[in-house]
Amino acid sequence: MAVHNMVQSSYEQELLQIVNHLPIERLAQIVNFARYIKSQTHEDFLDFADECKEDILADEAQWEAKFAVSQERLKQMAARVRGEIQAGRT
């Protein structure tokens, strides 16, 4: 238990150092995120010990494909916005 308390204290100190240098609007984000984490149960987190390497690689490939599609959409949206700005519509 003493080791756990030492690790927790170390995290607390690091968090306080970070928080002390943030603007107030970022602090609200941290509080909201902390509340979200607090609301999660242990069962909400995935246990990768039961997954085989092939399943993990297949899952990663699916995510990469989804991100690739979304990146292209973001580029298209950015180009459209730049066009609107150049045309004076924005």
C-alpha atoms as a PDB file:
ATOM      1  CA  MET A   1       0.000   0.000   0.000  1.00  0.00           C
ATOM      2  CA  ALA A   2       2.905   2.363   0.687  1.00  0.00           C
ATOM      3  CA  VAL A   3       4.157   1.977  -2.899  1.00  0.00           C
ATOM      4  CA  HIS A   4       0.679   2.756  -4.216  1.00  0.00           C
ATOM      5  CA  ASN A   5       0.558   5.909  -2.098  1.00  0.00           C
ATOM      6  CA  MET A   6       3.995   6.974  -3.344  1.00  0.00           C
ATOM      7  CA  VAL A   7       2.969   6.515  -6.969  1.00  0.00           C
ATOM      8  CA  GLN A   8      -0.311   8.313  -6.377  1.00  0.00           C
ATOM      9  CA  SER A   9       1.531  11.173  -4.685  1.00  0.00           C
ATOM     10  CA  SER A  10       3.922  11.392  -7.630  1.00  0.00           C
ATOM     11  CA  TYR A  11       1.016  11.614 -10.074  1.00  0.00           C
ATOM     12  CA  GLU A  12      -0.695  14.198  -7.910  1.00  0.00           C
ATOM     13  CA  GLN A  13       2.438  16.349  -7.808  1.00  0.00           C
ATOM     14  CA  GLU A  14       2.903  16.123 -11.575  1.00  0.00           C
ATOM     15  CA  LEU A  15      -0.744  16.956 -12.183  1.00  0.00           C
ATOM     16  CA  LEU A  16      -0.564  19.971  -9.882  1.00  0.00           C
ATOM     17  CA  GLN A  17       2.534  21.245 -11.674  1.00  0.00           C
ATOM     18  CA  ILE A  18       0.773  20.971 -15.019  1.00  0.00           C
ATOM     19  CA  VAL A  19      -2.469  22.505 -13.789  1.00  0.00           C
ATOM     20  CA  ASN A  20      -0.700  25.466 -12.191  1.00  0.00           C
ATOM     21  CA  HIS A  21       0.504  26.610 -15.608  1.00  0.00           C
ATOM     22  CA  LEU A  22      -2.757  26.313 -17.553  1.00  0.00           C
ATOM     23  CA  PRO A  23      -5.257  29.040 -18.411  1.00  0.00           C
ATOM     24  CA  ILE A  24      -8.611  28.839 -16.631  1.00  0.00           C
ATOM     25  CA  GLU A  25     -10.528  27.570 -19.677  1.00  0.00           C
ATOM     26  CA  ARG A  26      -8.217  24.554 -19.895  1.00  0.00           C
ATOM     27  CA  LEU A  27      -8.808  23.795 -16.221  1.00  0.00           C
ATOM     28  CA  ALA A  28     -12.511  23.370 -16.933  1.00  0.00           C
ATOM     29  CA  GLN A  29     -11.627  20.788 -19.584  1.00  0.00           C
ATOM     30  CA  ILE A  30      -9.453  18.898 -17.121  1.00  0.00           C
ATOM     31  CA  VAL A  31     -12.204  18.878 -14.506  1.00  0.00           C
ATOM     32  CA  ASN A  32     -14.723  17.599 -17.054  1.00  0.00           C
ATOM     33  CA  PHE A  33     -12.330  14.872 -18.174  1.00  0.00           C
ATOM     34  CA  ALA A  34     -11.611  13.866 -14.577  1.00  0.00           C
ATOM     35  CA  ARG A  35     -15.346  13.612 -13.913  1.00  0.00           C
ATOM     36  CA  TYR A  36     -15.717  11.415 -16.994  1.00  0.00           C
ATOM     37  CA  ILE A  37     -12.897   9.113 -15.859  1.00  0.00           C
ATOM     38  CA  LYS A  38     -14.335   8.952 -12.350  1.00  0.00           C
ATOM     39  CA  SER A  39     -17.696   7.861 -13.776  1.00  0.00           C
ATOM     40  CA  GLN A  40     -16.164   4.919 -15.619  1.00  0.00           C
ATOM     41  CA  THR A  41     -16.161   1.499 -14.014  1.00  0.00           C
ATOM     42  CA  HIS A  42     -13.326  -0.965 -14.258  1.00  0.00           C
ATOM     43  CA  GLU A  43     -15.415  -3.074 -16.647  1.00  0.00           C
ATOM     44  CA  ASP A  44     -15.567  -0.148 -19.090  1.00  0.00           C
ATOM     45  CA  PHE A  45     -11.911  -0.626 -19.932  1.00  0.00           C
ATOM     46  CA  LEU A  46     -10.864  -3.256 -22.423  1.00  0.00           C
ATOM     47  CA  ASP A  47      -8.804  -6.217 -21.309  1.00  0.00           C
ATOM     48  CA  PHE A  48      -6.379  -6.927 -24.117  1.00  0.00           C
ATOM     49  CA  ALA A  49      -5.025 -10.072 -22.457  1.00  0.00           C
ATOM     50  CA  ASP A  50      -7.816 -12.135 -24.046  1.00  0.00           C
ATOM     51  CA  GLU A  51      -7.169 -10.799 -27.568  1.00  0.00           C
ATOM     52  CA  CYS A  52      -4.811 -12.551 -29.904  1.00  0.00           C
ATOM     53  CA  LYS A  53      -2.272 -10.638 -31.956  1.00  0.00           C
ATOM     54  CA  GLU A  54      -4.233 -11.178 -35.187  1.00  0.00           C
ATOM     55  CA  ASP A  55      -7.395  -9.659 -33.662  1.00  0.00           C
ATOM     56  CA  ILE A  56      -5.479  -6.617 -32.467  1.00  0.00           C
ATOM     57  CA  LEU A  57      -3.816  -6.124 -35.860  1.00  0.00           C
ATOM     58  CA  ALA A  58      -7.160  -6.484 -37.652  1.00  0.00           C
ATOM     59  CA  ASP A  59      -8.741  -3.938 -35.314  1.00  0.00           C
ATOM     60  CA  GLU A  60      -5.853  -1.520 -35.885  1.00  0.00           C
ATOM     61  CA  ALA A  61      -6.219  -1.929 -39.655  1.00  0.00           C
ATOM     62  CA  GLN A  62      -9.917  -1.045 -39.418  1.00  0.00           C
ATOM     63  CA  TRP A  63      -9.145   2.103 -37.416  1.00  0.00           C
ATOM     64  CA  GLU A  64      -6.396   3.132 -39.824  1.00  0.00           C
ATOM     65  CA  ALA A  65      -8.834   2.812 -42.722  1.00  0.00           C
ATOM     66  CA  LYS A  66     -11.443   4.900 -40.902  1.00  0.00           C
ATOM     67  CA  PHE A  67      -8.901   7.591 -40.060  1.00  0.00           C
ATOM     68  CA  ALA A  68      -7.649   7.667 -43.645  1.00  0.00           C
ATOM     69  CA  VAL A  69     -11.201   8.315 -44.882  1.00  0.00           C
ATOM     70  CA  SER A  70     -11.817  11.015 -42.302  1.00  0.00           C
ATOM     71  CA  GLN A  71      -8.510  12.723 -43.113  1.00  0.00           C
ATOM     72  CA  GLU A  72      -9.515  12.989 -46.756  1.00  0.00           C
ATOM     73  CA  ARG A  73     -12.891  14.437 -45.755  1.00  0.00           C
ATOM     74  CA  LEU A  74     -11.178  16.983 -43.511  1.00  0.00           C
ATOM     75  CA  LYS A  75      -8.880  18.017 -46.360  1.00  0.00           C
ATOM     76  CA  GLN A  76     -11.901  18.442 -48.638  1.00  0.00           C
ATOM     77  CA  MET A  77     -13.727  20.512 -46.038  1.00  0.00           C
ATOM     78  CA  ALA A  78     -10.658  22.708 -45.491  1.00  0.00           C
ATOM     79  CA  ALA A  79     -10.330  23.293 -49.234  1.00  0.00           C
ATOM     80  CA  ARG A  80     -14.014  24.240 -49.446  1.00  0.00           C
ATOM     81  CA  VAL A  81     -13.647  26.682 -46.533  1.00  0.00           C
ATOM     82  CA  ARG A  82     -10.543  28.246 -48.088  1.00  0.00           C
ATOM     83  CA  GLY A  83     -12.528  28.728 -51.311  1.00  0.00           C
ATOM     84  CA  GLU A  84     -15.374  30.394 -49.422  1.00  0.00           C
ATOM     85  CA  ILE A  85     -12.931  32.698 -47.660  1.00  0.00           C
ATOM     86  CA  GLN A  86     -11.228  33.639 -50.939  1.00  0.00           C
ATOM     87  CA  ALA A  87     -14.636  34.270 -52.508  1.00  0.00           C
ATOM     88  CA  GLY A  88     -15.580  36.547 -49.608  1.00  0.00           C
ATOM     89  CA  ARG A  89     -18.507  34.400 -48.498  1.00  0.00           C
ATOM     90  CA  THR A  90     -17.098  33.787 -45.025  1.00  0.00           C
END
